[in-house]
Amino acid sequence: MQTTIDVKGMSCGHCEQSVKGALENLTGVTTVEVHLNTGKVDITYDDTKVSIADMQEVIEEQGYDVIV
């Protein structure tokens, strides 16, 4: 499965690495691509192992807002 999540508050390489690292630590997430210029995060994942809600939660735990 693939999804794109809109994230507010990312502005630098550290932001990118925080979000990417948190998502990559989730079981079932296979690839993460962060686009700082648009605030979008493209994620490829196994929906039998991880949910979009799980992904949104770990992004918010890093201090960023998920736009639904």
PDB file of N, CA and C in Angstrom:
ATOM      1  N   MET A   1       0.852  -1.178   0.000  1.00  0.00           N
ATOM      2  CA  MET A   1       0.000   0.000   0.000  1.00  0.00           C
ATOM      3  C   MET A   1       0.891   1.234   0.000  1.00  0.00           C
ATOM      4  N   GLN A   2       0.306   2.333  -0.480  1.00  0.00           N
ATOM      5  CA  GLN A   2       1.040   3.593  -0.477  1.00  0.00           C
ATOM      6  C   GLN A   2       0.099   4.708  -0.047  1.00  0.00           C
ATOM      7  N   THR A   3       0.631   5.654   0.733  1.00  0.00           N
ATOM      8  CA  THR A   3      -0.168   6.791   1.153  1.00  0.00           C
ATOM      9  C   THR A   3       0.716   8.026   1.203  1.00  0.00           C
ATOM     10  N   THR A   4       0.065   9.188   1.205  1.00  0.00           N
ATOM     11  CA  THR A   4       0.770  10.455   1.378  1.00  0.00           C
ATOM     12  C   THR A   4       0.118  11.175   2.550  1.00  0.00           C
ATOM     13  N   ILE A   5       0.954  11.594   3.497  1.00  0.00           N
ATOM     14  CA  ILE A   5       0.469  12.304   4.681  1.00  0.00           C
ATOM     15  C   ILE A   5       0.981  13.738   4.614  1.00  0.00           C
ATOM     16  N   ASP A   6       0.091  14.708   4.869  1.00  0.00           N
ATOM     17  CA  ASP A   6       0.481  16.118   4.929  1.00  0.00           C
ATOM     18  C   ASP A   6       0.926  16.433   6.347  1.00  0.00           C
ATOM     19  N   VAL A   7       2.136  16.979   6.465  1.00  0.00           N
ATOM     20  CA  VAL A   7       2.706  17.280   7.775  1.00  0.00           C
ATOM     21  C   VAL A   7       3.043  18.766   7.836  1.00  0.00           C
ATOM     22  N   LYS A   8       2.593  19.430   8.904  1.00  0.00           N
ATOM     23  CA  LYS A   8       2.852  20.854   9.088  1.00  0.00           C
ATOM     24  C   LYS A   8       3.961  21.029  10.122  1.00  0.00           C
ATOM     25  N   GLY A   9       4.885  21.930   9.825  1.00  0.00           N
ATOM     26  CA  GLY A   9       5.917  22.260  10.802  1.00  0.00           C
ATOM     27  C   GLY A   9       7.310  21.781  10.453  1.00  0.00           C
ATOM     28  N   MET A  10       7.466  21.047   9.365  1.00  0.00           N
ATOM     29  CA  MET A  10       8.792  20.599   8.955  1.00  0.00           C
ATOM     30  C   MET A  10       9.464  21.714   8.157  1.00  0.00           C
ATOM     31  N   SER A  11      10.717  22.043   8.527  1.00  0.00           N
ATOM     32  CA  SER A  11      11.369  23.135   7.825  1.00  0.00           C
ATOM     33  C   SER A  11      12.847  22.897   7.513  1.00  0.00           C
ATOM     34  N   CYS A  12      13.418  21.801   8.011  1.00  0.00           N
ATOM     35  CA  CYS A  12      14.863  21.607   7.816  1.00  0.00           C
ATOM     36  C   CYS A  12      15.206  20.120   7.732  1.00  0.00           C
ATOM     37  N   GLY A  13      16.475  19.850   7.515  1.00  0.00           N
ATOM     38  CA  GLY A  13      16.940  18.473   7.412  1.00  0.00           C
ATOM     39  C   GLY A  13      16.714  17.679   8.685  1.00  0.00           C
ATOM     40  N   HIS A  14      16.834  18.337   9.834  1.00  0.00           N
ATOM     41  CA  HIS A  14      16.579  17.639  11.102  1.00  0.00           C
ATOM     42  C   HIS A  14      15.119  17.210  11.188  1.00  0.00           C
ATOM     43  N   CYS A  15      14.220  18.082  10.767  1.00  0.00           N
ATOM     44  CA  CYS A  15      12.782  17.757  10.751  1.00  0.00           C
ATOM     45  C   CYS A  15      12.552  16.524   9.874  1.00  0.00           C
ATOM     46  N   GLU A  16      13.155  16.563   8.705  1.00  0.00           N
ATOM     47  CA  GLU A  16      13.012  15.459   7.757  1.00  0.00           C
ATOM     48  C   GLU A  16      13.484  14.152   8.367  1.00  0.00           C
ATOM     49  N   GLN A  17      14.647  14.169   9.005  1.00  0.00           N
ATOM     50  CA  GLN A  17      15.200  12.951   9.591  1.00  0.00           C
ATOM     51  C   GLN A  17      14.367  12.460  10.775  1.00  0.00           C
ATOM     52  N   SER A  18      13.811  13.371  11.564  1.00  0.00           N
ATOM     53  CA  SER A  18      12.964  12.984  12.700  1.00  0.00           C
ATOM     54  C   SER A  18      11.732  12.224  12.232  1.00  0.00           C
ATOM     55  N   VAL A  19      11.060  12.781  11.233  1.00  0.00           N
ATOM     56  CA  VAL A  19       9.840  12.160  10.716  1.00  0.00           C
ATOM     57  C   VAL A  19      10.175  10.840  10.018  1.00  0.00           C
ATOM     58  N   LYS A  20      11.198  10.863   9.176  1.00  0.00           N
ATOM     59  CA  LYS A  20      11.592   9.662   8.435  1.00  0.00           C
ATOM     60  C   LYS A  20      11.999   8.544   9.384  1.00  0.00           C
ATOM     61  N   GLY A  21      12.812   8.867  10.374  1.00  0.00           N
ATOM     62  CA  GLY A  21      13.282   7.865  11.328  1.00  0.00           C
ATOM     63  C   GLY A  21      12.145   7.258  12.134  1.00  0.00           C
ATOM     64  N   ALA A  22      11.230   8.101  12.595  1.00  0.00           N
ATOM     65  CA  ALA A  22      10.101   7.608  13.390  1.00  0.00           C
ATOM     66  C   ALA A  22       9.238   6.653  12.573  1.00  0.00           C
ATOM     67  N   LEU A  23       8.986   7.010  11.313  1.00  0.00           N
ATOM     68  CA  LEU A  23       8.166   6.150  10.459  1.00  0.00           C
ATOM     69  C   LEU A  23       8.885   4.851  10.108  1.00  0.00           C
ATOM     70  N   GLU A  24      10.184   4.938   9.814  1.00  0.00           N
ATOM     71  CA  GLU A  24      10.940   3.736   9.437  1.00  0.00           C
ATOM     72  C   GLU A  24      11.046   2.749  10.585  1.00  0.00           C
ATOM     73  N   ASN A  25      10.890   3.218  11.831  1.00  0.00           N
ATOM     74  CA  ASN A  25      10.931   2.325  12.992  1.00  0.00           C
ATOM     75  C   ASN A  25       9.650   1.526  13.169  1.00  0.00           C
ATOM     76  N   LEU A  26       8.599   1.904  12.470  1.00  0.00           N
ATOM     77  CA  LEU A  26       7.337   1.162  12.568  1.00  0.00           C
ATOM     78  C   LEU A  26       7.429  -0.133  11.764  1.00  0.00           C
ATOM     79  N   THR A  27       7.021  -1.222  12.375  1.00  0.00           N
ATOM     80  CA  THR A  27       6.963  -2.499  11.672  1.00  0.00           C
ATOM     81  C   THR A  27       5.929  -2.395  10.557  1.00  0.00           C
ATOM     82  N   GLY A  28       6.326  -2.759   9.348  1.00  0.00           N
ATOM     83  CA  GLY A  28       5.406  -2.716   8.214  1.00  0.00           C
ATOM     84  C   GLY A  28       5.667  -1.570   7.259  1.00  0.00           C
ATOM     85  N   VAL A  29       6.413  -0.550   7.699  1.00  0.00           N
ATOM     86  CA  VAL A  29       6.754   0.568   6.813  1.00  0.00           C
ATOM     87  C   VAL A  29       7.999   0.176   6.022  1.00  0.00           C
ATOM     88  N   THR A  30       7.914   0.253   4.693  1.00  0.00           N
ATOM     89  CA  THR A  30       9.049  -0.168   3.867  1.00  0.00           C
ATOM     90  C   THR A  30       9.835   1.004   3.296  1.00  0.00           C
ATOM     91  N   THR A  31       9.169   2.060   2.846  1.00  0.00           N
ATOM     92  CA  THR A  31       9.890   3.231   2.353  1.00  0.00           C
ATOM     93  C   THR A  31       9.211   4.517   2.812  1.00  0.00           C
ATOM     94  N   VAL A  32      10.044   5.535   3.042  1.00  0.00           N
ATOM     95  CA  VAL A  32       9.545   6.852   3.454  1.00  0.00           C
ATOM     96  C   VAL A  32      10.285   7.896   2.644  1.00  0.00           C
ATOM     97  N   GLU A  33       9.522   8.795   2.024  1.00  0.00           N
ATOM     98  CA  GLU A  33      10.111   9.896   1.270  1.00  0.00           C
ATOM     99  C   GLU A  33       9.499  11.192   1.782  1.00  0.00           C
ATOM    100  N   VAL A  34      10.334  12.062   2.361  1.00  0.00           N
ATOM    101  CA  VAL A  34       9.866  13.323   2.922  1.00  0.00           C
ATOM    102  C   VAL A  34      10.162  14.451   1.931  1.00  0.00           C
ATOM    103  N   HIS A  35       9.155  15.270   1.665  1.00  0.00           N
ATOM    104  CA  HIS A  35       9.300  16.407   0.756  1.00  0.00           C
ATOM    105  C   HIS A  35       9.109  17.690   1.571  1.00  0.00           C
ATOM    106  N   LEU A  36      10.225  18.294   1.998  1.00  0.00           N
ATOM    107  CA  LEU A  36      10.159  19.492   2.833  1.00  0.00           C
ATOM    108  C   LEU A  36       9.434  20.640   2.144  1.00  0.00           C
ATOM    109  N   ASN A  37       9.651  20.811   0.844  1.00  0.00           N
ATOM    110  CA  ASN A  37       9.066  21.957   0.134  1.00  0.00           C
ATOM    111  C   ASN A  37       7.540  21.916   0.078  1.00  0.00           C
ATOM    112  N   THR A  38       6.956  20.725   0.121  1.00  0.00           N
ATOM    113  CA  THR A  38       5.488  20.615   0.066  1.00  0.00           C
ATOM    114  C   THR A  38       4.878  20.187   1.404  1.00  0.00           C
ATOM    115  N   GLY A  39       5.708  19.678   2.327  1.00  0.00           N
ATOM    116  CA  GLY A  39       5.192  19.182   3.600  1.00  0.00           C
ATOM    117  C   GLY A  39       4.534  17.823   3.475  1.00  0.00           C
ATOM    118  N   LYS A  40       4.804  17.137   2.380  1.00  0.00           N
ATOM    119  CA  LYS A  40       4.180  15.824   2.159  1.00  0.00           C
ATOM    120  C   LYS A  40       5.183  14.708   2.440  1.00  0.00           C
ATOM    121  N   VAL A  41       4.645  13.609   2.972  1.00  0.00           N
ATOM    122  CA  VAL A  41       5.458  12.429   3.252  1.00  0.00           C
ATOM    123  C   VAL A  41       4.822  11.250   2.529  1.00  0.00           C
ATOM    124  N   ASP A  42       5.555  10.651   1.590  1.00  0.00           N
ATOM    125  CA  ASP A  42       5.083   9.477   0.859  1.00  0.00           C
ATOM    126  C   ASP A  42       5.575   8.230   1.585  1.00  0.00           C
ATOM    127  N   ILE A  43       4.658   7.313   1.847  1.00  0.00           N
ATOM    128  CA  ILE A  43       4.976   6.124   2.633  1.00  0.00           C
ATOM    129  C   ILE A  43       4.466   4.884   1.916  1.00  0.00           C
ATOM    130  N   THR A  44       5.329   3.883   1.807  1.00  0.00           N
ATOM    131  CA  THR A  44       4.932   2.570   1.315  1.00  0.00           C
ATOM    132  C   THR A  44       4.929   1.642   2.524  1.00  0.00           C
ATOM    133  N   TYR A  45       3.842   0.877   2.676  1.00  0.00           N
ATOM    134  CA  TYR A  45       3.698   0.083   3.896  1.00  0.00           C
ATOM    135  C   TYR A  45       2.840  -1.151   3.660  1.00  0.00           C
ATOM    136  N   ASP A  46       2.891  -2.051   4.647  1.00  0.00           N
ATOM    137  CA  ASP A  46       2.066  -3.262   4.652  1.00  0.00           C
ATOM    138  C   ASP A  46       0.891  -2.998   5.583  1.00  0.00           C
ATOM    139  N   ASP A  47      -0.306  -2.880   5.025  1.00  0.00           N
ATOM    140  CA  ASP A  47      -1.468  -2.513   5.841  1.00  0.00           C
ATOM    141  C   ASP A  47      -1.937  -3.610   6.785  1.00  0.00           C
ATOM    142  N   THR A  48      -1.334  -4.784   6.719  1.00  0.00           N
ATOM    143  CA  THR A  48      -1.654  -5.830   7.698  1.00  0.00           C
ATOM    144  C   THR A  48      -0.796  -5.679   8.958  1.00  0.00           C
ATOM    145  N   LYS A  49       0.231  -4.817   8.887  1.00  0.00           N
ATOM    146  CA  LYS A  49       1.148  -4.648  10.015  1.00  0.00           C
ATOM    147  C   LYS A  49       1.100  -3.262  10.646  1.00  0.00           C
ATOM    148  N   VAL A  50       0.673  -2.265   9.894  1.00  0.00           N
ATOM    149  CA  VAL A  50       0.671  -0.894  10.411  1.00  0.00           C
ATOM    150  C   VAL A  50      -0.495  -0.113   9.787  1.00  0.00           C
ATOM    151  N   SER A  51      -1.062   0.806  10.559  1.00  0.00           N
ATOM    152  CA  SER A  51      -2.189   1.605  10.047  1.00  0.00           C
ATOM    153  C   SER A  51      -1.753   3.052   9.833  1.00  0.00           C
ATOM    154  N   ILE A  52      -2.555   3.762   9.084  1.00  0.00           N
ATOM    155  CA  ILE A  52      -2.286   5.187   8.862  1.00  0.00           C
ATOM    156  C   ILE A  52      -2.354   5.925  10.203  1.00  0.00           C
ATOM    157  N   ALA A  53      -3.255   5.516  11.079  1.00  0.00           N
ATOM    158  CA  ALA A  53      -3.351   6.138  12.406  1.00  0.00           C
ATOM    159  C   ALA A  53      -2.050   5.955  13.191  1.00  0.00           C
ATOM    160  N   ASP A  54      -1.426   4.780  13.079  1.00  0.00           N
ATOM    161  CA  ASP A  54      -0.133   4.543  13.732  1.00  0.00           C
ATOM    162  C   ASP A  54       0.908   5.522  13.204  1.00  0.00           C
ATOM    163  N   MET A  55       0.921   5.710  11.899  1.00  0.00           N
ATOM    164  CA  MET A  55       1.894   6.601  11.275  1.00  0.00           C
ATOM    165  C   MET A  55       1.664   8.042  11.721  1.00  0.00           C
ATOM    166  N   GLN A  56       0.410   8.464  11.749  1.00  0.00           N
ATOM    167  CA  GLN A  56       0.094   9.829  12.171  1.00  0.00           C
ATOM    168  C   GLN A  56       0.525  10.037  13.621  1.00  0.00           C
ATOM    169  N   GLU A  57       0.331   9.032  14.445  1.00  0.00           N
ATOM    170  CA  GLU A  57       0.687   9.132  15.864  1.00  0.00           C
ATOM    171  C   GLU A  57       2.187   9.342  16.063  1.00  0.00           C
ATOM    172  N   VAL A  58       3.028   8.567  15.354  1.00  0.00           N
ATOM    173  CA  VAL A  58       4.477   8.723  15.552  1.00  0.00           C
ATOM    174  C   VAL A  58       4.972  10.058  14.999  1.00  0.00           C
ATOM    175  N   ILE A  59       4.317  10.577  13.955  1.00  0.00           N
ATOM    176  CA  ILE A  59       4.690  11.903  13.437  1.00  0.00           C
ATOM    177  C   ILE A  59       4.364  12.967  14.490  1.00  0.00           C
ATOM    178  N   GLU A  60       3.181  12.872  15.085  1.00  0.00           N
ATOM    179  CA  GLU A  60       2.771  13.842  16.102  1.00  0.00           C
ATOM    180  C   GLU A  60       3.655  13.741  17.343  1.00  0.00           C
ATOM    181  N   GLU A  61       4.120  12.532  17.668  1.00  0.00           N
ATOM    182  CA  GLU A  61       5.028  12.353  18.806  1.00  0.00           C
ATOM    183  C   GLU A  61       6.365  13.068  18.577  1.00  0.00           C
ATOM    184  N   GLN A  62       6.715  13.308  17.318  1.00  0.00           N
ATOM    185  CA  GLN A  62       7.947  14.039  16.990  1.00  0.00           C
ATOM    186  C   GLN A  62       7.736  15.550  17.078  1.00  0.00           C
ATOM    187  N   GLY A  63       6.490  15.991  17.309  1.00  0.00           N
ATOM    188  CA  GLY A  63       6.206  17.410  17.482  1.00  0.00           C
ATOM    189  C   GLY A  63       5.643  18.105  16.252  1.00  0.00           C
ATOM    190  N   TYR A  64       5.206  17.334  15.274  1.00  0.00           N
ATOM    191  CA  TYR A  64       4.664  17.929  14.049  1.00  0.00           C
ATOM    192  C   TYR A  64       3.162  17.666  13.964  1.00  0.00           C
ATOM    193  N   ASP A  65       2.474  18.496  13.224  1.00  0.00           N
ATOM    194  CA  ASP A  65       1.027  18.368  13.066  1.00  0.00           C
ATOM    195  C   ASP A  65       0.707  17.644  11.766  1.00  0.00           C
ATOM    196  N   VAL A  66      -0.179  16.661  11.860  1.00  0.00           N
ATOM    197  CA  VAL A  66      -0.655  15.951  10.685  1.00  0.00           C
ATOM    198  C   VAL A  66      -1.944  16.634  10.230  1.00  0.00           C
ATOM    199  N   ILE A  67      -2.004  16.979   8.957  1.00  0.00           N
ATOM    200  CA  ILE A  67      -3.182  17.632   8.381  1.00  0.00           C
ATOM    201  C   ILE A  67      -4.046  16.555   7.727  1.00  0.00           C
ATOM    202  N   VAL A  68      -5.246  16.407   8.246  1.00  0.00           N
ATOM    203  CA  VAL A  68      -6.140  15.362   7.741  1.00  0.00           C
ATOM    204  C   VAL A  68      -7.164  15.965   6.819  1.00  0.00           C
TER     205      VAL A  68
END
